[in-house]
Protein backbone atom coordinates (compact mmCIF):
# COMPACT_ATOMS: atom_id res chain seq x y z
CA MET A 1 -30.35 31.84 -74.22
CA THR A 2 -30.02 32.82 -70.57
CA ALA A 3 -33.16 32.25 -68.54
CA PHE A 4 -34.64 35.38 -67.02
CA ARG A 5 -34.42 35.48 -63.25
CA PRO A 6 -36.74 38.20 -62.02
CA ILE A 7 -36.01 40.23 -58.87
CA SER A 8 -37.62 43.33 -57.42
CA PRO A 9 -36.05 46.83 -57.72
CA HIS A 10 -35.12 46.75 -54.01
CA ALA A 11 -33.39 43.43 -54.43
CA ALA A 12 -31.39 44.86 -57.41
CA ILE A 13 -30.32 47.83 -55.25
CA GLN A 14 -29.19 45.41 -52.49
CA ILE A 15 -26.93 43.58 -54.90
CA LEU A 16 -25.30 46.95 -56.02
CA ASP A 17 -24.95 48.10 -52.42
CA ALA A 18 -23.22 44.87 -51.38
CA ALA A 19 -20.68 45.49 -54.21
CA ASP A 20 -19.71 48.88 -52.53
CA ILE A 21 -20.01 51.02 -55.67
CA GLY A 22 -20.23 54.28 -53.87
CA ALA A 23 -22.80 56.15 -56.00
CA ASP A 24 -26.48 57.07 -56.20
CA LEU A 25 -27.54 53.42 -56.68
CA HIS A 26 -31.12 54.21 -57.80
CA ARG A 27 -29.94 56.51 -60.56
CA LEU A 28 -27.07 54.17 -61.45
CA LEU A 29 -29.44 51.14 -61.94
CA ALA A 30 -31.65 53.35 -64.13
CA ASN A 31 -28.71 54.52 -66.22
CA LEU A 32 -27.40 50.89 -66.55
CA ALA A 33 -30.93 49.88 -67.83
CA MET A 34 -30.99 52.85 -70.19
CA ALA A 35 -27.59 51.67 -71.57
CA GLY A 36 -28.88 48.19 -72.09
CA LEU A 37 -26.45 46.70 -69.52
CA VAL A 38 -29.25 45.67 -67.12
CA LYS A 39 -32.47 44.11 -68.28
CA GLY A 40 -35.78 45.35 -66.99
CA TYR A 41 -39.17 43.73 -67.67
CA ALA A 42 -42.75 44.90 -66.92
CA ARG A 43 -46.35 45.02 -68.25
CA LEU A 44 -46.49 47.97 -70.71
CA ILE A 45 -49.80 49.72 -71.30
CA GLU A 46 -49.65 52.19 -74.13
CA GLY A 47 -52.09 55.01 -74.66
CA GLU A 48 -53.87 55.95 -77.90
CA THR A 49 -51.50 57.00 -80.64
CA ALA A 50 -52.66 58.60 -83.89
CA GLY A 51 -56.09 57.16 -83.63
CA GLN A 52 -54.87 53.66 -82.90
CA PRO A 53 -56.70 51.77 -80.06
CA ARG A 54 -55.16 51.30 -76.64
CA THR A 55 -52.98 48.18 -76.61
CA GLU A 56 -51.61 46.13 -73.75
CA VAL A 57 -48.35 44.18 -73.87
CA ARG A 58 -47.69 41.71 -71.08
CA ASP A 59 -44.29 40.72 -69.66
CA SER A 60 -42.15 42.73 -72.25
CA ARG A 61 -38.63 43.98 -71.88
CA ILE A 62 -38.55 47.72 -71.10
CA ASP A 63 -36.74 49.18 -74.06
CA ARG A 64 -34.03 51.84 -73.77
CA GLY A 65 -36.30 54.59 -75.09
CA ILE A 66 -38.73 54.17 -72.15
CA TRP A 67 -35.75 54.21 -69.68
CA ARG A 68 -34.50 57.41 -71.30
CA ARG A 69 -38.00 59.03 -70.63
CA ILE A 70 -37.94 57.73 -67.03
CA VAL A 71 -34.65 59.37 -66.40
CA ALA A 72 -35.54 62.56 -68.39
CA GLU A 73 -38.87 63.02 -66.58
CA ASP A 74 -37.23 62.38 -63.18
CA ARG A 75 -39.50 59.40 -62.41
CA ILE A 76 -36.66 57.22 -61.01
CA ALA A 77 -38.06 57.35 -57.46
CA ALA A 78 -41.31 55.73 -58.68
CA VAL A 79 -39.50 52.75 -59.96
CA TYR A 80 -38.34 51.78 -56.36
CA GLU A 81 -41.30 53.16 -54.29
CA GLU A 82 -44.09 51.64 -56.44
CA ALA A 83 -42.33 49.29 -59.02
CA SER A 84 -44.51 51.13 -61.59
CA VAL A 85 -44.13 54.34 -63.62
CA HIS A 86 -46.75 56.38 -65.60
CA LEU A 87 -45.12 58.48 -68.26
CA ASP A 88 -46.98 61.52 -69.66
CA ASP A 89 -47.65 62.39 -73.26
CA ASP A 90 -44.26 62.97 -75.07
CA GLY A 91 -45.82 65.30 -77.55
CA ASP A 92 -46.75 62.62 -80.11
CA GLY A 93 -49.56 61.11 -78.07
CA ASN A 94 -47.35 58.44 -76.53
CA ARG A 95 -48.47 57.75 -73.02
CA VAL A 96 -47.09 54.67 -71.38
CA SER A 97 -47.70 52.92 -68.05
CA VAL A 98 -44.93 50.63 -66.96
CA ILE A 99 -46.44 48.21 -64.41
CA GLY A 100 -44.69 45.83 -62.10
CA ILE A 101 -41.04 46.47 -62.92
CA ARG A 102 -38.60 43.61 -62.34
CA PHE A 103 -34.90 43.32 -63.11
CA ASP A 104 -32.92 40.33 -64.34
CA ALA A 105 -30.71 39.17 -61.50
CA THR A 106 -28.01 37.81 -63.85
CA SER A 107 -27.49 41.18 -65.57
CA VAL A 108 -27.61 43.07 -62.27
CA ASN A 109 -24.91 40.75 -60.77
CA ARG A 110 -22.79 41.14 -63.79
CA ALA A 111 -23.02 45.03 -63.59
CA ALA A 112 -22.15 44.85 -59.89
CA ALA A 113 -19.06 42.81 -60.59
CA GLU A 114 -17.92 45.24 -63.25
CA HIS A 115 -18.50 48.53 -61.36
CA GLY A 116 -18.16 47.60 -57.67
CA ALA A 117 -15.18 47.38 -55.33
CA VAL A 118 -16.41 44.07 -53.89
CA PRO A 119 -17.18 41.14 -56.27
CA ALA A 120 -20.89 40.26 -56.36
CA ALA A 121 -21.83 37.00 -54.73
CA ALA A 122 -22.38 34.12 -57.01
CA PRO A 123 -26.06 33.17 -57.44
CA ALA A 124 -27.12 30.16 -55.47
CA PRO A 125 -27.09 26.92 -57.43
CA ILE A 126 -30.41 25.31 -58.53
CA VAL A 127 -30.95 22.02 -56.79
CA THR A 128 -32.07 19.28 -59.35
CA HIS A 129 -31.88 16.35 -56.96
CA ILE A 130 -32.58 15.48 -53.42
CA VAL A 131 -29.60 14.79 -51.19
CA PRO A 132 -30.37 12.40 -48.27
CA PRO A 133 -29.58 13.95 -44.87
CA ALA A 134 -26.31 12.81 -43.34
CA LYS A 135 -26.40 10.54 -40.37
CA LYS A 136 -25.89 12.35 -37.09
CA SER A 137 -22.72 11.25 -35.27
CA ARG A 138 -22.90 10.96 -31.61
CA PRO A 139 -20.82 13.54 -29.76
CA ALA A 140 -17.68 12.33 -27.81
CA PRO A 141 -18.22 11.81 -24.15
CA SER A 142 -16.95 14.60 -22.00
CA PRO A 143 -13.94 13.67 -19.82
CA ALA A 144 -14.83 13.03 -16.14
CA TYR A 145 -14.42 16.09 -13.94
CA ASP A 146 -12.09 15.65 -10.98
CA GLN A 147 -13.59 17.76 -8.22
CA SER A 148 -10.42 17.48 -6.21
CA VAL A 149 -8.48 19.71 -8.70
CA PRO A 150 -8.94 23.49 -8.11
CA PHE A 151 -9.83 25.69 -11.05
CA THR A 152 -9.88 29.46 -11.80
CA VAL A 153 -12.68 31.31 -13.68
CA VAL A 154 -11.26 33.66 -16.24
CA ASP A 155 -13.38 36.53 -17.78
CA ALA A 156 -12.78 36.04 -21.52
CA PRO A 157 -13.37 39.14 -23.75
CA VAL A 158 -16.56 39.10 -25.67
CA VAL A 159 -15.98 39.32 -29.41
CA SER A 160 -19.03 40.44 -31.43
CA ALA A 161 -19.62 38.86 -34.83
CA GLY A 162 -20.05 41.05 -37.90
CA ARG A 163 -18.66 44.41 -39.07
CA GLN A 164 -16.73 46.42 -36.33
CA ARG A 165 -17.72 50.02 -36.32
CA ALA A 166 -15.18 52.81 -35.93
CA VAL A 167 -15.43 55.18 -32.97
CA LEU A 168 -16.36 58.86 -33.82
CA ASP A 169 -14.01 61.05 -31.82
CA PRO A 170 -15.81 64.01 -30.09
CA GLY A 171 -13.35 66.46 -31.63
CA THR A 172 -13.85 65.34 -35.18
CA VAL A 173 -15.41 67.96 -37.52
CA ALA A 174 -15.65 66.16 -40.86
CA LEU A 175 -15.26 62.56 -42.22
CA SER A 176 -14.48 61.16 -45.61
CA ILE A 177 -17.15 58.81 -47.22
CA GLN A 178 -15.18 55.77 -46.11
CA GLU A 179 -14.68 57.04 -42.52
CA THR A 180 -18.42 57.73 -42.32
CA ALA A 181 -19.18 54.20 -43.64
CA ASP A 182 -16.79 52.79 -40.96
CA VAL A 183 -18.56 54.78 -38.25
CA LEU A 184 -22.07 53.72 -39.33
CA GLY A 185 -21.10 50.16 -40.22
CA VAL A 186 -22.43 50.37 -43.74
CA SER A 187 -21.12 50.56 -47.30
CA LYS A 188 -19.97 53.70 -49.05
CA GLY A 189 -22.90 53.37 -51.39
CA THR A 190 -25.38 53.53 -48.43
CA VAL A 191 -23.49 56.75 -47.23
CA ASN A 192 -23.99 58.35 -50.59
CA ASN A 193 -27.70 57.44 -50.50
CA LEU A 194 -28.06 58.95 -47.01
CA ILE A 195 -26.48 62.20 -48.30
CA ASN A 196 -28.87 62.31 -51.35
CA GLN A 197 -31.77 61.80 -48.92
CA GLY A 198 -30.65 64.68 -46.85
CA LYS A 199 -30.02 62.50 -43.73
CA LEU A 200 -26.28 63.45 -43.75
CA THR A 201 -24.75 66.81 -44.54
CA SER A 202 -21.74 66.91 -46.80
CA LYS A 203 -19.50 69.45 -48.49
CA LYS A 204 -17.43 69.12 -51.70
CA ILE A 205 -13.81 70.27 -51.35
CA GLY A 206 -12.02 69.73 -54.65
CA ARG A 207 -12.60 66.06 -55.68
CA ARG A 208 -13.30 65.00 -52.08
CA THR A 209 -16.67 64.83 -50.36
CA LEU A 210 -16.61 65.40 -46.59
CA VAL A 211 -19.45 64.58 -44.30
CA GLN A 212 -20.03 66.86 -41.32
CA ALA A 213 -19.47 64.86 -38.08
CA ASP A 214 -22.37 66.66 -36.38
CA SER A 215 -24.83 65.22 -39.00
CA VAL A 216 -23.45 61.72 -38.26
CA ARG A 217 -23.85 62.15 -34.62
CA ALA A 218 -27.44 63.41 -35.15
CA PHE A 219 -28.12 60.49 -37.34
CA LEU A 220 -26.87 58.04 -34.76
CA ALA A 221 -28.77 59.78 -31.87
């Protein structure tokens, strides 16, 4: 049986974002949990049902029926903003509070590997023994400098580490999702999230989604 490795909803989103899935990651994670592909756990507090007393269940797996209610009642945002969701009466007296939502890192990484363009990073190994520190070797002595030999100072180009951003041409009107990601230096999934949050303006043309360049400039300003 695989051990449960709990992570926060935000950490689960970061794993999916790193895989460059290119979708609404918050809704995708909820849908994966609803399909049983990602495991979610929480403390479930159930309201009174048909005269039965209120019960509390600690550290239980969130079943697919509860995830269906979370999606149907459009309570997905509460999962990531508060890590808790309070579901209203479903008509049969079933009121449920889902407190302290956590996801299983193993199942989230597996889903990221299956759905993402970039393979998910392997989880760090668990250290079971202490490795003694390696002995520090003394650096080799620097060669003596001969002051009689002239030298020339050359300005070397500075190369910055990390992801290189593309340049947004002043005459550009619209960008693809990938071009927008290159300009902002983020993944396509992050671009889709910015569009869903209203921070970028896009337009659907056929099967393509184009981002207005002016909204990108305003976002960078």
